[in-house]
Amino acid sequence: MKPSYAQYLIEKTKKDYEKIAEHFFLKRRFFWPELEKIKNYIKDGDKVLDWGCGHGRLLLILKDKKIKYIGTDTSSKILEIAKKNFPRHDFRLLDRLSLPLSDSFFNVICCIATIHHIPSKNLRIKLLKEFRRTLKKDGILILTIWYLWIGKRKIVFKYIFKWLLSKISRKKTELDFKDIFIPWKNNQGKILAHRYLHAFSKRELAKLVEEAGFKIKELKIVERGKKFANIFLVATK
């Protein structure tokens, strides 16, 4: 993917989440039960970064933890909701690919259902290296990624088939393989935005994280019924 198009997709994602901010909050008010084990990796006294925090729902499962929490996101409208719901915590509007924080600052970095919005392998590696830089020695990185290859999300095959057809017919596409756009609809079925996503496989995510210098401690597919699933990865610096 050309750097210029990757930058376009970053800006598009930011604008898309500004558009859907309020409806996104209504659809994502609670934390996924199958991922609540994240709290087992966080202990009292930890400094925790919630990168791509959205409206701060990770705090719902950390309410009994005495931690230093920083939540970052690129959507100012979503952060307004987060600050209203969790006024005692630190939320910051930041660029997705840079962390203006000192080296070895955090004990734990959580990136929940967000890195699949980052276009191109180069930018994903750049972000992961930023995570590694700001983690303390033996710090923990927790990633969850939508797993789009089972259940209701198998619609991904349709989008990838379209990509392959465009390549075969030599039509112009600047997307990488397994890059897709998924529509976000309101309650009336109206499309509010087409969100950019990369459809990760478990193996692909593992290779990416290792290339950025992390050591993987846990990697699995976590399902929610028969309709949805996430890749759950834990790694150390």
C-alpha atoms as a PDB file:
ATOM      1  CA  MET A   1       0.000   0.000   0.000  1.00  0.00           C
ATOM      2  CA  LYS A   2       1.276   3.456  -0.878  1.00  0.00           C
ATOM      3  CA  PRO A   3       2.027   5.664   2.162  1.00  0.00           C
ATOM      4  CA  SER A   4      -0.257   8.394   0.803  1.00  0.00           C
ATOM      5  CA  TYR A   5      -3.228   6.027   0.630  1.00  0.00           C
ATOM      6  CA  ALA A   6      -2.466   4.623   4.080  1.00  0.00           C
ATOM      7  CA  GLN A   7      -2.545   8.167   5.449  1.00  0.00           C
ATOM      8  CA  TYR A   8      -5.848   8.763   3.681  1.00  0.00           C
ATOM      9  CA  LEU A   9      -7.302   5.671   5.382  1.00  0.00           C
ATOM     10  CA  ILE A  10      -6.103   6.851   8.795  1.00  0.00           C
ATOM     11  CA  GLU A  11      -7.883  10.172   8.293  1.00  0.00           C
ATOM     12  CA  LYS A  12     -10.957   8.417   6.923  1.00  0.00           C
ATOM     13  CA  THR A  13     -11.160   6.173   9.988  1.00  0.00           C
ATOM     14  CA  LYS A  14     -10.947   9.203  12.250  1.00  0.00           C
ATOM     15  CA  LYS A  15     -13.757  10.954  10.361  1.00  0.00           C
ATOM     16  CA  ASP A  16     -15.886   7.800  10.284  1.00  0.00           C
ATOM     17  CA  TYR A  17     -15.764   7.437  14.064  1.00  0.00           C
ATOM     18  CA  GLU A  18     -16.623  11.097  14.487  1.00  0.00           C
ATOM     19  CA  LYS A  19     -19.723  10.446  12.358  1.00  0.00           C
ATOM     20  CA  ILE A  20     -20.872   7.381  14.293  1.00  0.00           C
ATOM     21  CA  ALA A  21     -19.702   8.409  17.787  1.00  0.00           C
ATOM     22  CA  GLU A  22     -23.091   8.522  19.518  1.00  0.00           C
ATOM     23  CA  HIS A  23     -24.508   5.444  17.807  1.00  0.00           C
ATOM     24  CA  PHE A  24     -21.237   3.586  18.417  1.00  0.00           C
ATOM     25  CA  PHE A  25     -21.594   4.263  22.137  1.00  0.00           C
ATOM     26  CA  LEU A  26     -25.134   2.891  22.170  1.00  0.00           C
ATOM     27  CA  LYS A  27     -23.975  -0.294  20.423  1.00  0.00           C
ATOM     28  CA  ARG A  28     -20.830  -0.737  22.557  1.00  0.00           C
ATOM     29  CA  ARG A  29     -21.948   0.264  26.038  1.00  0.00           C
ATOM     30  CA  PHE A  30     -20.786  -2.952  27.700  1.00  0.00           C
ATOM     31  CA  PHE A  31     -17.536  -4.869  27.654  1.00  0.00           C
ATOM     32  CA  TRP A  32     -17.489  -8.289  25.989  1.00  0.00           C
ATOM     33  CA  PRO A  33     -17.744 -10.965  28.733  1.00  0.00           C
ATOM     34  CA  GLU A  34     -15.453 -13.378  26.900  1.00  0.00           C
ATOM     35  CA  LEU A  35     -12.601 -10.839  27.098  1.00  0.00           C
ATOM     36  CA  GLU A  36     -12.975  -9.915  30.764  1.00  0.00           C
ATOM     37  CA  LYS A  37      -9.934 -12.046  31.603  1.00  0.00           C
ATOM     38  CA  ILE A  38      -7.880  -9.032  30.528  1.00  0.00           C
ATOM     39  CA  LYS A  39      -8.240  -7.816  34.108  1.00  0.00           C
ATOM     40  CA  ASN A  40      -6.235 -10.819  35.321  1.00  0.00           C
ATOM     41  CA  TYR A  41      -3.129  -9.320  33.717  1.00  0.00           C
ATOM     42  CA  ILE A  42      -3.527  -5.982  35.492  1.00  0.00           C
ATOM     43  CA  LYS A  43      -2.648  -5.490  39.155  1.00  0.00           C
ATOM     44  CA  ASP A  44      -2.940  -2.656  41.638  1.00  0.00           C
ATOM     45  CA  GLY A  45      -0.352   0.053  41.078  1.00  0.00           C
ATOM     46  CA  ASP A  46       0.043  -0.607  37.342  1.00  0.00           C
ATOM     47  CA  LYS A  47       0.221   2.165  34.772  1.00  0.00           C
ATOM     48  CA  VAL A  48      -2.164   1.139  31.997  1.00  0.00           C
ATOM     49  CA  LEU A  49      -2.549   2.535  28.498  1.00  0.00           C
ATOM     50  CA  ASP A  50      -5.860   1.889  26.735  1.00  0.00           C
ATOM     51  CA  TRP A  51      -4.930   2.744  23.162  1.00  0.00           C
ATOM     52  CA  GLY A  52      -7.981   3.297  20.973  1.00  0.00           C
ATOM     53  CA  CYS A  53     -10.035   3.505  24.158  1.00  0.00           C
ATOM     54  CA  GLY A  54     -13.302   4.577  22.576  1.00  0.00           C
ATOM     55  CA  HIS A  55     -15.668   5.655  25.343  1.00  0.00           C
ATOM     56  CA  GLY A  56     -13.583   3.929  28.025  1.00  0.00           C
ATOM     57  CA  ARG A  57     -15.554   0.739  28.452  1.00  0.00           C
ATOM     58  CA  LEU A  58     -12.396  -1.186  29.456  1.00  0.00           C
ATOM     59  CA  LEU A  59     -12.738   0.630  32.778  1.00  0.00           C
ATOM     60  CA  LEU A  60     -15.969  -1.290  33.420  1.00  0.00           C
ATOM     61  CA  ILE A  61     -13.926  -4.420  34.154  1.00  0.00           C
ATOM     62  CA  LEU A  62     -11.133  -2.543  35.953  1.00  0.00           C
ATOM     63  CA  LYS A  63     -13.298  -0.638  38.435  1.00  0.00           C
ATOM     64  CA  ASP A  64     -11.864  -2.588  41.384  1.00  0.00           C
ATOM     65  CA  LYS A  65      -8.247  -2.002  40.317  1.00  0.00           C
ATOM     66  CA  LYS A  66      -6.157   0.815  41.790  1.00  0.00           C
ATOM     67  CA  ILE A  67      -4.303   1.809  38.652  1.00  0.00           C
ATOM     68  CA  LYS A  68      -2.982   4.809  36.752  1.00  0.00           C
ATOM     69  CA  TYR A  69      -5.098   4.722  33.594  1.00  0.00           C
ATOM     70  CA  ILE A  70      -4.570   6.697  30.389  1.00  0.00           C
ATOM     71  CA  GLY A  71      -7.032   6.289  27.537  1.00  0.00           C
ATOM     72  CA  THR A  72      -6.237   7.607  24.064  1.00  0.00           C
ATOM     73  CA  ASP A  73      -8.289   7.912  20.907  1.00  0.00           C
ATOM     74  CA  THR A  74      -8.447  10.033  17.745  1.00  0.00           C
ATOM     75  CA  SER A  75     -12.175  10.768  17.949  1.00  0.00           C
ATOM     76  CA  SER A  76     -12.877  13.883  19.985  1.00  0.00           C
ATOM     77  CA  LYS A  77     -16.612  13.102  20.084  1.00  0.00           C
ATOM     78  CA  ILE A  78     -16.057   9.611  21.459  1.00  0.00           C
ATOM     79  CA  LEU A  79     -13.629  10.986  24.050  1.00  0.00           C
ATOM     80  CA  GLU A  80     -16.279  13.480  25.171  1.00  0.00           C
ATOM     81  CA  ILE A  81     -18.482  10.510  26.059  1.00  0.00           C
ATOM     82  CA  ALA A  82     -15.577   8.807  27.853  1.00  0.00           C
ATOM     83  CA  LYS A  83     -14.807  11.884  29.948  1.00  0.00           C
ATOM     84  CA  LYS A  84     -18.466  12.233  30.878  1.00  0.00           C
ATOM     85  CA  ASN A  85     -18.778   8.586  31.934  1.00  0.00           C
ATOM     86  CA  PHE A  86     -15.406   8.353  33.723  1.00  0.00           C
ATOM     87  CA  PRO A  87     -14.546  11.915  34.867  1.00  0.00           C
ATOM     88  CA  ARG A  88     -11.802  10.802  37.270  1.00  0.00           C
ATOM     89  CA  HIS A  89      -9.667   9.207  34.585  1.00  0.00           C
ATOM     90  CA  ASP A  90      -7.145  10.592  32.091  1.00  0.00           C
ATOM     91  CA  PHE A  91      -8.289  10.659  28.458  1.00  0.00           C
ATOM     92  CA  ARG A  92      -6.190  12.162  25.683  1.00  0.00           C
ATOM     93  CA  LEU A  93      -6.741  12.967  22.022  1.00  0.00           C
ATOM     94  CA  LEU A  94      -3.718  11.574  20.177  1.00  0.00           C
ATOM     95  CA  ASP A  95      -2.544  10.596  16.747  1.00  0.00           C
ATOM     96  CA  ARG A  96      -3.011   6.845  16.312  1.00  0.00           C
ATOM     97  CA  LEU A  97       0.616   6.152  15.476  1.00  0.00           C
ATOM     98  CA  SER A  98       2.548   8.197  18.006  1.00  0.00           C
ATOM     99  CA  LEU A  99       2.717   8.186  21.781  1.00  0.00           C
ATOM    100  CA  PRO A 100       4.183  11.420  23.202  1.00  0.00           C
ATOM    101  CA  LEU A 101       5.104   9.609  26.398  1.00  0.00           C
ATOM    102  CA  SER A 102       8.456   8.640  27.867  1.00  0.00           C
ATOM    103  CA  ASP A 103      10.217   5.312  27.367  1.00  0.00           C
ATOM    104  CA  SER A 104       9.390   2.418  29.715  1.00  0.00           C
ATOM    105  CA  PHE A 105       6.356   4.194  31.173  1.00  0.00           C
ATOM    106  CA  PHE A 106       3.541   1.605  31.191  1.00  0.00           C
ATOM    107  CA  ASN A 107       3.196  -1.767  32.887  1.00  0.00           C
ATOM    108  CA  VAL A 108       0.368  -2.823  30.556  1.00  0.00           C
ATOM    109  CA  ILE A 109      -0.817  -1.620  27.153  1.00  0.00           C
ATOM    110  CA  CYS A 110      -4.254  -2.710  25.958  1.00  0.00           C
ATOM    111  CA  CYS A 111      -5.266  -2.339  22.327  1.00  0.00           C
ATOM    112  CA  ILE A 112      -8.825  -3.629  22.102  1.00  0.00           C
ATOM    113  CA  ALA A 113     -10.392  -4.139  18.654  1.00  0.00           C
ATOM    114  CA  THR A 114      -8.387  -1.291  17.162  1.00  0.00           C
ATOM    115  CA  ILE A 115      -5.195  -2.308  15.361  1.00  0.00           C
ATOM    116  CA  HIS A 116      -7.208  -3.843  12.519  1.00  0.00           C
ATOM    117  CA  HIS A 117      -8.123  -0.245  11.609  1.00  0.00           C
ATOM    118  CA  ILE A 118      -4.454   0.590  10.921  1.00  0.00           C
ATOM    119  CA  PRO A 119      -3.603   0.358   7.202  1.00  0.00           C
ATOM    120  CA  SER A 120      -0.428  -1.271   5.845  1.00  0.00           C
ATOM    121  CA  LYS A 121       2.028  -3.578   7.541  1.00  0.00           C
ATOM    122  CA  ASN A 122       4.604  -0.781   7.865  1.00  0.00           C
ATOM    123  CA  LEU A 123       2.302   1.408   9.946  1.00  0.00           C
ATOM    124  CA  ARG A 124       1.207  -1.507  12.127  1.00  0.00           C
ATOM    125  CA  ILE A 125       4.855  -2.338  12.864  1.00  0.00           C
ATOM    126  CA  LYS A 126       5.510   1.320  13.616  1.00  0.00           C
ATOM    127  CA  LEU A 127       2.683   1.378  16.130  1.00  0.00           C
ATOM    128  CA  LEU A 128       3.724  -1.876  17.797  1.00  0.00           C
ATOM    129  CA  LYS A 129       7.276  -0.571  18.181  1.00  0.00           C
ATOM    130  CA  GLU A 130       5.861   2.514  19.879  1.00  0.00           C
ATOM    131  CA  PHE A 131       4.037   0.213  22.270  1.00  0.00           C
ATOM    132  CA  ARG A 132       7.275  -1.631  22.957  1.00  0.00           C
ATOM    133  CA  ARG A 133       9.186   1.608  23.525  1.00  0.00           C
ATOM    134  CA  THR A 134       6.734   2.871  26.130  1.00  0.00           C
ATOM    135  CA  LEU A 135       6.399  -0.438  27.992  1.00  0.00           C
ATOM    136  CA  LYS A 136       8.512  -1.165  31.049  1.00  0.00           C
ATOM    137  CA  LYS A 137      10.865  -4.136  31.078  1.00  0.00           C
ATOM    138  CA  ASP A 138       8.703  -7.288  31.125  1.00  0.00           C
ATOM    139  CA  GLY A 139       5.679  -5.079  30.432  1.00  0.00           C
ATOM    140  CA  ILE A 140       2.574  -6.691  28.957  1.00  0.00           C
ATOM    141  CA  LEU A 141       0.869  -5.992  25.644  1.00  0.00           C
ATOM    142  CA  ILE A 142      -2.725  -7.183  25.245  1.00  0.00           C
ATOM    143  CA  LEU A 143      -4.255  -7.164  21.774  1.00  0.00           C
ATOM    144  CA  THR A 144      -7.681  -8.215  20.625  1.00  0.00           C
ATOM    145  CA  ILE A 145      -8.560  -8.304  16.940  1.00  0.00           C
ATOM    146  CA  TRP A 146     -11.836  -9.112  15.250  1.00  0.00           C
ATOM    147  CA  TYR A 147     -11.638 -12.608  13.822  1.00  0.00           C
ATOM    148  CA  LEU A 148     -13.686 -12.343  10.644  1.00  0.00           C
ATOM    149  CA  TRP A 149     -13.456 -15.882   9.326  1.00  0.00           C
ATOM    150  CA  ILE A 150     -16.271 -17.580  11.261  1.00  0.00           C
ATOM    151  CA  GLY A 151     -19.902 -17.043  12.131  1.00  0.00           C
ATOM    152  CA  LYS A 152     -21.744 -13.889  11.185  1.00  0.00           C
ATOM    153  CA  ARG A 153     -18.562 -12.118  10.130  1.00  0.00           C
ATOM    154  CA  LYS A 154     -17.821 -14.615   7.337  1.00  0.00           C
ATOM    155  CA  ILE A 155     -19.169 -11.859   5.114  1.00  0.00           C
ATOM    156  CA  VAL A 156     -15.473 -10.977   4.829  1.00  0.00           C
ATOM    157  CA  PHE A 157     -15.170 -13.604   2.089  1.00  0.00           C
ATOM    158  CA  LYS A 158     -17.429 -11.517  -0.136  1.00  0.00           C
ATOM    159  CA  TYR A 159     -15.221  -8.470   0.206  1.00  0.00           C
ATOM    160  CA  ILE A 160     -12.004 -10.405  -0.391  1.00  0.00           C
ATOM    161  CA  PHE A 161     -13.523 -12.029  -3.480  1.00  0.00           C
ATOM    162  CA  LYS A 162     -14.234  -8.554  -4.852  1.00  0.00           C
ATOM    163  CA  TRP A 163     -10.592  -7.611  -4.209  1.00  0.00           C
ATOM    164  CA  LEU A 164      -9.361 -10.679  -6.084  1.00  0.00           C
ATOM    165  CA  LEU A 165     -11.659  -9.903  -9.018  1.00  0.00           C
ATOM    166  CA  SER A 166     -10.296  -6.365  -9.191  1.00  0.00           C
ATOM    167  CA  LYS A 167      -6.743  -7.730  -9.359  1.00  0.00           C
ATOM    168  CA  ILE A 168      -7.607 -10.312 -12.012  1.00  0.00           C
ATOM    169  CA  SER A 169      -9.419  -7.733 -14.133  1.00  0.00           C
ATOM    170  CA  ARG A 170      -6.605  -5.220 -13.467  1.00  0.00           C
ATOM    171  CA  LYS A 171      -8.988  -2.647 -12.082  1.00  0.00           C
ATOM    172  CA  LYS A 172      -7.302  -0.087  -9.881  1.00  0.00           C
ATOM    173  CA  THR A 173      -7.340  -0.849  -6.148  1.00  0.00           C
ATOM    174  CA  GLU A 174      -4.933   0.535  -3.584  1.00  0.00           C
ATOM    175  CA  LEU A 175      -5.992  -1.864  -0.857  1.00  0.00           C
ATOM    176  CA  ASP A 176      -3.753  -4.672   0.363  1.00  0.00           C
ATOM    177  CA  PHE A 177      -4.900  -8.274   0.374  1.00  0.00           C
ATOM    178  CA  LYS A 178      -7.526  -8.868   3.099  1.00  0.00           C
ATOM    179  CA  ASP A 179      -8.268  -5.140   3.404  1.00  0.00           C
ATOM    180  CA  ILE A 180     -12.006  -4.471   3.398  1.00  0.00           C
ATOM    181  CA  PHE A 181     -14.623  -1.831   4.125  1.00  0.00           C
ATOM    182  CA  ILE A 182     -17.500  -2.853   6.395  1.00  0.00           C
ATOM    183  CA  PRO A 183     -20.614  -0.653   6.618  1.00  0.00           C
ATOM    184  CA  TRP A 184     -21.821   0.746   9.922  1.00  0.00           C
ATOM    185  CA  LYS A 185     -25.608   1.038   9.935  1.00  0.00           C
ATOM    186  CA  ASN A 186     -27.957   2.873  12.275  1.00  0.00           C
ATOM    187  CA  ASN A 187     -31.129   1.353  13.717  1.00  0.00           C
ATOM    188  CA  GLN A 188     -33.039   2.198  10.537  1.00  0.00           C
ATOM    189  CA  GLY A 189     -30.509   0.382   8.355  1.00  0.00           C
ATOM    190  CA  LYS A 190     -28.986   3.545   6.920  1.00  0.00           C
ATOM    191  CA  ILE A 191     -25.248   3.301   6.277  1.00  0.00           C
ATOM    192  CA  LEU A 192     -23.419   5.974   8.270  1.00  0.00           C
ATOM    193  CA  ALA A 193     -19.870   4.999   7.340  1.00  0.00           C
ATOM    194  CA  HIS A 194     -17.787   2.356   5.603  1.00  0.00           C
ATOM    195  CA  ARG A 195     -15.056   1.467   8.093  1.00  0.00           C
ATOM    196  CA  TYR A 196     -11.664   0.280   6.913  1.00  0.00           C
ATOM    197  CA  LEU A 197     -10.548  -3.067   8.384  1.00  0.00           C
ATOM    198  CA  HIS A 198      -7.790  -5.592   7.815  1.00  0.00           C
ATOM    199  CA  ALA A 199      -8.993  -9.177   8.207  1.00  0.00           C
ATOM    200  CA  PHE A 200      -6.195 -10.694  10.298  1.00  0.00           C
ATOM    201  CA  SER A 201      -5.511 -14.381  10.648  1.00  0.00           C
ATOM    202  CA  LYS A 202      -4.102 -15.647  13.938  1.00  0.00           C
ATOM    203  CA  ARG A 203      -0.791 -16.553  12.329  1.00  0.00           C
ATOM    204  CA  GLU A 204      -0.468 -13.185  10.600  1.00  0.00           C
ATOM    205  CA  LEU A 205      -1.008 -11.279  13.839  1.00  0.00           C
ATOM    206  CA  ALA A 206       1.538 -13.433  15.666  1.00  0.00           C
ATOM    207  CA  LYS A 207       4.213 -12.823  13.014  1.00  0.00           C
ATOM    208  CA  LEU A 208       3.559  -9.085  13.110  1.00  0.00           C
ATOM    209  CA  VAL A 209       3.890  -8.868  16.891  1.00  0.00           C
ATOM    210  CA  GLU A 210       7.074 -10.934  16.899  1.00  0.00           C
ATOM    211  CA  GLU A 211       8.571  -8.810  14.134  1.00  0.00           C
ATOM    212  CA  ALA A 212       8.053  -5.766  16.348  1.00  0.00           C
ATOM    213  CA  GLY A 213      10.194  -7.423  19.041  1.00  0.00           C
ATOM    214  CA  PHE A 214       7.600  -8.927  21.399  1.00  0.00           C
ATOM    215  CA  LYS A 215       7.493 -12.412  22.892  1.00  0.00           C
ATOM    216  CA  ILE A 216       4.074 -14.028  22.655  1.00  0.00           C
ATOM    217  CA  LYS A 217       2.761 -15.637  25.846  1.00  0.00           C
ATOM    218  CA  GLU A 218      -0.833 -16.398  24.869  1.00  0.00           C
ATOM    219  CA  LEU A 219      -2.618 -16.550  21.519  1.00  0.00           C
ATOM    220  CA  LYS A 220      -6.089 -17.978  20.934  1.00  0.00           C
ATOM    221  CA  ILE A 221      -9.441 -17.498  19.238  1.00  0.00           C
ATOM    222  CA  VAL A 222     -12.102 -16.450  21.737  1.00  0.00           C
ATOM    223  CA  GLU A 223     -15.661 -17.005  20.530  1.00  0.00           C
ATOM    224  CA  ARG A 224     -18.905 -15.346  21.528  1.00  0.00           C
ATOM    225  CA  GLY A 225     -21.560 -17.915  20.739  1.00  0.00           C
ATOM    226  CA  LYS A 226     -21.507 -19.009  17.095  1.00  0.00           C
ATOM    227  CA  LYS A 227     -21.671 -15.537  15.579  1.00  0.00           C
ATOM    228  CA  PHE A 228     -18.593 -13.590  16.676  1.00  0.00           C
ATOM    229  CA  ALA A 229     -14.985 -14.205  17.650  1.00  0.00           C
ATOM    230  CA  ASN A 230     -11.821 -12.293  18.514  1.00  0.00           C
ATOM    231  CA  ILE A 231      -8.132 -13.094  18.358  1.00  0.00           C
ATOM    232  CA  PHE A 232      -6.758 -12.687  21.877  1.00  0.00           C
ATOM    233  CA  LEU A 233      -2.993 -12.121  22.185  1.00  0.00           C
ATOM    234  CA  VAL A 234      -0.786 -11.443  25.190  1.00  0.00           C
ATOM    235  CA  ALA A 235       2.906 -10.629  24.708  1.00  0.00           C
ATOM    236  CA  THR A 236       5.795  -9.286  26.759  1.00  0.00           C
ATOM    237  CA  LYS A 237       8.540  -6.816  25.914  1.00  0.00           C
END
